[in-house]
Amino acid sequence: MNAKKVVLLAVVALVLFYVISQPAQAAAAVQGLLSWLRDGAEAIITFLKNLFA
Protein backbone atom coordinates (compact mmCIF):
# COMPACT_ATOMS: atom_id res chain seq x y z
CA MET A 1 0.00 0.00 0.00
CA ASN A 2 1.10 3.50 -0.73
CA ALA A 3 2.36 5.45 2.30
CA LYS A 4 0.16 8.39 1.30
CA LYS A 5 -2.95 6.18 1.45
CA VAL A 6 -1.95 4.81 4.86
CA VAL A 7 -1.50 8.29 6.28
CA LEU A 8 -4.81 9.44 4.79
CA LEU A 9 -6.66 6.45 6.24
CA ALA A 10 -5.05 7.05 9.65
CA VAL A 11 -6.10 10.72 9.62
CA VAL A 12 -9.66 9.83 8.62
CA ALA A 13 -9.82 7.19 11.37
CA LEU A 14 -8.56 9.67 13.99
CA VAL A 15 -11.07 12.32 12.90
CA LEU A 16 -13.92 9.81 13.05
CA PHE A 17 -12.81 8.64 16.48
CA TYR A 18 -12.68 12.25 17.71
CA VAL A 19 -16.14 13.04 16.31
CA ILE A 20 -17.68 9.88 17.77
CA SER A 21 -16.00 10.08 21.18
CA GLN A 22 -16.29 13.85 21.73
CA PRO A 23 -19.01 15.28 19.48
CA ALA A 24 -19.45 18.56 21.40
CA GLN A 25 -15.76 19.40 21.26
CA ALA A 26 -15.58 18.38 17.59
CA ALA A 27 -18.51 20.66 16.77
CA ALA A 28 -16.89 23.54 18.65
CA ALA A 29 -13.65 22.97 16.74
CA VAL A 30 -15.47 23.03 13.39
CA GLN A 31 -17.39 26.18 14.38
CA GLY A 32 -14.13 27.84 15.38
CA LEU A 33 -12.52 26.92 12.06
CA LEU A 34 -15.50 28.20 10.07
CA SER A 35 -15.53 31.42 12.08
CA TRP A 36 -11.83 31.90 11.38
CA LEU A 37 -12.40 31.32 7.65
CA ARG A 38 -15.39 33.71 7.60
CA ASP A 39 -13.38 36.44 9.36
CA GLY A 40 -10.55 36.00 6.87
CA ALA A 41 -12.91 36.20 3.90
CA GLU A 42 -14.56 39.32 5.30
CA ALA A 43 -11.15 40.93 5.80
CA ILE A 44 -10.18 40.20 2.19
CA ILE A 45 -13.51 41.55 0.90
CA THR A 46 -13.09 44.72 2.98
CA PHE A 47 -9.56 45.16 1.65
CA LEU A 48 -10.68 44.77 -1.96
CA LYS A 49 -13.62 47.14 -1.49
CA ASN A 50 -11.30 49.78 -0.03
CA LEU A 51 -8.70 49.16 -2.72
CA PHE A 52 -11.11 49.74 -5.60
CA ALA A 53 -13.35 52.35 -3.97
PDB file of N, CA and C in Angstrom:
ATOM      1  N   MET A   1       0.840  -1.195   0.000  1.00  0.00           N
ATOM      2  CA  MET A   1       0.000   0.000   0.000  1.00  0.00           C
ATOM      3  C   MET A   1       0.878   1.249   0.000  1.00  0.00           C
ATOM      4  N   ASN A   2       0.393   2.233  -0.643  1.00  0.00           N
ATOM      5  CA  ASN A   2       1.097   3.496  -0.728  1.00  0.00           C
ATOM      6  C   ASN A   2       1.108   4.192   0.634  1.00  0.00           C
ATOM      7  N   ALA A   3       2.239   4.773   1.007  1.00  0.00           N
ATOM      8  CA  ALA A   3       2.356   5.451   2.298  1.00  0.00           C
ATOM      9  C   ALA A   3       1.373   6.612   2.407  1.00  0.00           C
ATOM     10  N   LYS A   4       1.109   7.272   1.303  1.00  0.00           N
ATOM     11  CA  LYS A   4       0.161   8.389   1.304  1.00  0.00           C
ATOM     12  C   LYS A   4      -1.243   7.901   1.671  1.00  0.00           C
ATOM     13  N   LYS A   5      -1.643   6.740   1.142  1.00  0.00           N
ATOM     14  CA  LYS A   5      -2.954   6.180   1.452  1.00  0.00           C
ATOM     15  C   LYS A   5      -3.042   5.785   2.927  1.00  0.00           C
ATOM     16  N   VAL A   6      -1.960   5.224   3.458  1.00  0.00           N
ATOM     17  CA  VAL A   6      -1.948   4.807   4.859  1.00  0.00           C
ATOM     18  C   VAL A   6      -2.107   6.020   5.768  1.00  0.00           C
ATOM     19  N   VAL A   7      -1.395   7.078   5.478  1.00  0.00           N
ATOM     20  CA  VAL A   7      -1.496   8.293   6.283  1.00  0.00           C
ATOM     21  C   VAL A   7      -2.901   8.883   6.172  1.00  0.00           C
ATOM     22  N   LEU A   8      -3.456   8.915   4.990  1.00  0.00           N
ATOM     23  CA  LEU A   8      -4.806   9.440   4.794  1.00  0.00           C
ATOM     24  C   LEU A   8      -5.835   8.622   5.570  1.00  0.00           C
ATOM     25  N   LEU A   9      -5.738   7.316   5.501  1.00  0.00           N
ATOM     26  CA  LEU A   9      -6.656   6.451   6.245  1.00  0.00           C
ATOM     27  C   LEU A   9      -6.504   6.647   7.751  1.00  0.00           C
ATOM     28  N   ALA A  10      -5.283   6.821   8.222  1.00  0.00           N
ATOM     29  CA  ALA A  10      -5.049   7.050   9.650  1.00  0.00           C
ATOM     30  C   ALA A  10      -5.663   8.376  10.091  1.00  0.00           C
ATOM     31  N   VAL A  11      -5.534   9.412   9.278  1.00  0.00           N
ATOM     32  CA  VAL A  11      -6.100  10.720   9.615  1.00  0.00           C
ATOM     33  C   VAL A  11      -7.621  10.638   9.638  1.00  0.00           C
ATOM     34  N   VAL A  12      -8.206   9.975   8.652  1.00  0.00           N
ATOM     35  CA  VAL A  12      -9.663   9.828   8.616  1.00  0.00           C
ATOM     36  C   VAL A  12     -10.146   9.045   9.837  1.00  0.00           C
ATOM     37  N   ALA A  13      -9.438   7.992  10.202  1.00  0.00           N
ATOM     38  CA  ALA A  13      -9.818   7.193  11.366  1.00  0.00           C
ATOM     39  C   ALA A  13      -9.737   8.020  12.643  1.00  0.00           C
ATOM     40  N   LEU A  14      -8.699   8.829  12.796  1.00  0.00           N
ATOM     41  CA  LEU A  14      -8.562   9.673  13.987  1.00  0.00           C
ATOM     42  C   LEU A  14      -9.659  10.728  14.060  1.00  0.00           C
ATOM     43  N   VAL A  15      -9.998  11.315  12.924  1.00  0.00           N
ATOM     44  CA  VAL A  15     -11.068  12.315  12.900  1.00  0.00           C
ATOM     45  C   VAL A  15     -12.403  11.667  13.267  1.00  0.00           C
ATOM     46  N   LEU A  16     -12.684  10.510  12.714  1.00  0.00           N
ATOM     47  CA  LEU A  16     -13.922   9.810  13.047  1.00  0.00           C
ATOM     48  C   LEU A  16     -13.966   9.437  14.522  1.00  0.00           C
ATOM     49  N   PHE A  17     -12.860   8.976  15.057  1.00  0.00           N
ATOM     50  CA  PHE A  17     -12.806   8.641  16.481  1.00  0.00           C
ATOM     51  C   PHE A  17     -13.082   9.872  17.331  1.00  0.00           C
ATOM     52  N   TYR A  18     -12.478  10.998  16.964  1.00  0.00           N
ATOM     53  CA  TYR A  18     -12.683  12.249  17.706  1.00  0.00           C
ATOM     54  C   TYR A  18     -14.140  12.690  17.644  1.00  0.00           C
ATOM     55  N   VAL A  19     -14.744  12.617  16.470  1.00  0.00           N
ATOM     56  CA  VAL A  19     -16.135  13.044  16.306  1.00  0.00           C
ATOM     57  C   VAL A  19     -17.073  12.130  17.094  1.00  0.00           C
ATOM     58  N   ILE A  20     -16.808  10.832  17.076  1.00  0.00           N
ATOM     59  CA  ILE A  20     -17.680   9.884  17.775  1.00  0.00           C
ATOM     60  C   ILE A  20     -17.490   9.965  19.287  1.00  0.00           C
ATOM     61  N   SER A  21     -16.248  10.106  19.746  1.00  0.00           N
ATOM     62  CA  SER A  21     -15.997  10.083  21.182  1.00  0.00           C
ATOM     63  C   SER A  21     -16.254  11.425  21.859  1.00  0.00           C
ATOM     64  N   GLN A  22     -16.095  12.520  21.148  1.00  0.00           N
ATOM     65  CA  GLN A  22     -16.286  13.851  21.731  1.00  0.00           C
ATOM     66  C   GLN A  22     -17.015  14.757  20.738  1.00  0.00           C
ATOM     67  N   PRO A  23     -18.295  14.519  20.515  1.00  0.00           N
ATOM     68  CA  PRO A  23     -19.006  15.281  19.478  1.00  0.00           C
ATOM     69  C   PRO A  23     -19.141  16.770  19.792  1.00  0.00           C
ATOM     70  N   ALA A  24     -19.308  17.139  21.058  1.00  0.00           N
ATOM     71  CA  ALA A  24     -19.453  18.557  21.398  1.00  0.00           C
ATOM     72  C   ALA A  24     -18.158  19.321  21.125  1.00  0.00           C
ATOM     73  N   GLN A  25     -17.039  18.744  21.510  1.00  0.00           N
ATOM     74  CA  GLN A  25     -15.756  19.400  21.264  1.00  0.00           C
ATOM     75  C   GLN A  25     -15.435  19.446  19.770  1.00  0.00           C
ATOM     76  N   ALA A  26     -15.813  18.394  19.034  1.00  0.00           N
ATOM     77  CA  ALA A  26     -15.582  18.377  17.592  1.00  0.00           C
ATOM     78  C   ALA A  26     -16.416  19.461  16.908  1.00  0.00           C
ATOM     79  N   ALA A  27     -17.660  19.617  17.350  1.00  0.00           N
ATOM     80  CA  ALA A  27     -18.513  20.659  16.773  1.00  0.00           C
ATOM     81  C   ALA A  27     -17.961  22.043  17.070  1.00  0.00           C
ATOM     82  N   ALA A  28     -17.471  22.244  18.288  1.00  0.00           N
ATOM     83  CA  ALA A  28     -16.886  23.538  18.649  1.00  0.00           C
ATOM     84  C   ALA A  28     -15.638  23.821  17.808  1.00  0.00           C
ATOM     85  N   ALA A  29     -14.852  22.794  17.557  1.00  0.00           N
ATOM     86  CA  ALA A  29     -13.648  22.972  16.738  1.00  0.00           C
ATOM     87  C   ALA A  29     -14.019  23.360  15.304  1.00  0.00           C
ATOM     88  N   VAL A  30     -15.036  22.713  14.753  1.00  0.00           N
ATOM     89  CA  VAL A  30     -15.475  23.032  13.387  1.00  0.00           C
ATOM     90  C   VAL A  30     -16.050  24.447  13.337  1.00  0.00           C
ATOM     91  N   GLN A  31     -16.838  24.820  14.339  1.00  0.00           N
ATOM     92  CA  GLN A  31     -17.392  26.176  14.380  1.00  0.00           C
ATOM     93  C   GLN A  31     -16.281  27.211  14.481  1.00  0.00           C
ATOM     94  N   GLY A  32     -15.265  26.930  15.270  1.00  0.00           N
ATOM     95  CA  GLY A  32     -14.128  27.840  15.378  1.00  0.00           C
ATOM     96  C   GLY A  32     -13.398  27.988  14.057  1.00  0.00           C
ATOM     97  N   LEU A  33     -13.196  26.874  13.358  1.00  0.00           N
ATOM     98  CA  LEU A  33     -12.521  26.916  12.062  1.00  0.00           C
ATOM     99  C   LEU A  33     -13.334  27.704  11.045  1.00  0.00           C
ATOM    100  N   LEU A  34     -14.646  27.465  11.011  1.00  0.00           N
ATOM    101  CA  LEU A  34     -15.500  28.199  10.072  1.00  0.00           C
ATOM    102  C   LEU A  34     -15.549  29.683  10.401  1.00  0.00           C
ATOM    103  N   SER A  35     -15.554  30.012  11.676  1.00  0.00           N
ATOM    104  CA  SER A  35     -15.529  31.417  12.083  1.00  0.00           C
ATOM    105  C   SER A  35     -14.234  32.083  11.634  1.00  0.00           C
ATOM    106  N   TRP A  36     -13.133  31.374  11.799  1.00  0.00           N
ATOM    107  CA  TRP A  36     -11.832  31.902  11.383  1.00  0.00           C
ATOM    108  C   TRP A  36     -11.813  32.125   9.872  1.00  0.00           C
ATOM    109  N   LEU A  37     -12.345  31.175   9.104  1.00  0.00           N
ATOM    110  CA  LEU A  37     -12.397  31.323   7.647  1.00  0.00           C
ATOM    111  C   LEU A  37     -13.303  32.478   7.237  1.00  0.00           C
ATOM    112  N   ARG A  38     -14.459  32.625   7.912  1.00  0.00           N
ATOM    113  CA  ARG A  38     -15.386  33.710   7.600  1.00  0.00           C
ATOM    114  C   ARG A  38     -14.735  35.068   7.881  1.00  0.00           C
ATOM    115  N   ASP A  39     -14.049  35.179   9.021  1.00  0.00           N
ATOM    116  CA  ASP A  39     -13.383  36.437   9.356  1.00  0.00           C
ATOM    117  C   ASP A  39     -12.304  36.784   8.332  1.00  0.00           C
ATOM    118  N   GLY A  40     -11.579  35.776   7.886  1.00  0.00           N
ATOM    119  CA  GLY A  40     -10.552  36.000   6.868  1.00  0.00           C
ATOM    120  C   GLY A  40     -11.153  36.451   5.545  1.00  0.00           C
ATOM    121  N   ALA A  41     -12.247  35.816   5.149  1.00  0.00           N
ATOM    122  CA  ALA A  41     -12.907  36.200   3.899  1.00  0.00           C
ATOM    123  C   ALA A  41     -13.453  37.617   3.988  1.00  0.00           C
ATOM    124  N   GLU A  42     -14.040  37.967   5.123  1.00  0.00           N
ATOM    125  CA  GLU A  42     -14.561  39.324   5.302  1.00  0.00           C
ATOM    126  C   GLU A  42     -13.438  40.356   5.268  1.00  0.00           C
ATOM    127  N   ALA A  43     -12.284  40.010   5.831  1.00  0.00           N
ATOM    128  CA  ALA A  43     -11.146  40.929   5.796  1.00  0.00           C
ATOM    129  C   ALA A  43     -10.661  41.141   4.364  1.00  0.00           C
ATOM    130  N   ILE A  44     -10.606  40.081   3.583  1.00  0.00           N
ATOM    131  CA  ILE A  44     -10.177  40.201   2.190  1.00  0.00           C
ATOM    132  C   ILE A  44     -11.183  41.022   1.390  1.00  0.00           C
ATOM    133  N   ILE A  45     -12.475  40.796   1.611  1.00  0.00           N
ATOM    134  CA  ILE A  45     -13.505  41.552   0.905  1.00  0.00           C
ATOM    135  C   ILE A  45     -13.424  43.030   1.269  1.00  0.00           C
ATOM    136  N   THR A  46     -13.229  43.327   2.548  1.00  0.00           N
ATOM    137  CA  THR A  46     -13.094  44.723   2.978  1.00  0.00           C
ATOM    138  C   THR A  46     -11.879  45.366   2.343  1.00  0.00           C
ATOM    139  N   PHE A  47     -10.769  44.640   2.278  1.00  0.00           N
ATOM    140  CA  PHE A  47      -9.559  45.156   1.651  1.00  0.00           C
ATOM    141  C   PHE A  47      -9.793  45.486   0.186  1.00  0.00           C
ATOM    142  N   LEU A  48     -10.426  44.543  -0.541  1.00  0.00           N
ATOM    143  CA  LEU A  48     -10.675  44.765  -1.962  1.00  0.00           C
ATOM    144  C   LEU A  48     -11.657  45.908  -2.199  1.00  0.00           C
ATOM    145  N   LYS A  49     -12.677  46.023  -1.357  1.00  0.00           N
ATOM    146  CA  LYS A  49     -13.622  47.145  -1.488  1.00  0.00           C
ATOM    147  C   LYS A  49     -12.897  48.474  -1.307  1.00  0.00           C
ATOM    148  N   ASN A  50     -12.032  48.543  -0.295  1.00  0.00           N
ATOM    149  CA  ASN A  50     -11.299  49.782  -0.031  1.00  0.00           C
ATOM    150  C   ASN A  50     -10.252  50.056  -1.111  1.00  0.00           C
ATOM    151  N   LEU A  51      -9.717  49.001  -1.683  1.00  0.00           N
ATOM    152  CA  LEU A  51      -8.704  49.162  -2.721  1.00  0.00           C
ATOM    153  C   LEU A  51      -9.303  49.740  -3.988  1.00  0.00           C
ATOM    154  N   PHE A  52     -10.502  49.309  -4.357  1.00  0.00           N
ATOM    155  CA  PHE A  52     -11.113  49.740  -5.601  1.00  0.00           C
ATOM    156  C   PHE A  52     -12.174  50.823  -5.411  1.00  0.00           C
ATOM    157  N   ALA A  53     -12.343  51.315  -4.211  1.00  0.00           N
ATOM    158  CA  ALA A  53     -13.352  52.348  -3.967  1.00  0.00           C
ATOM    159  C   ALA A  53     -12.812  53.720  -4.276  1.00  0.00           C
TER     160      ALA A  53
END
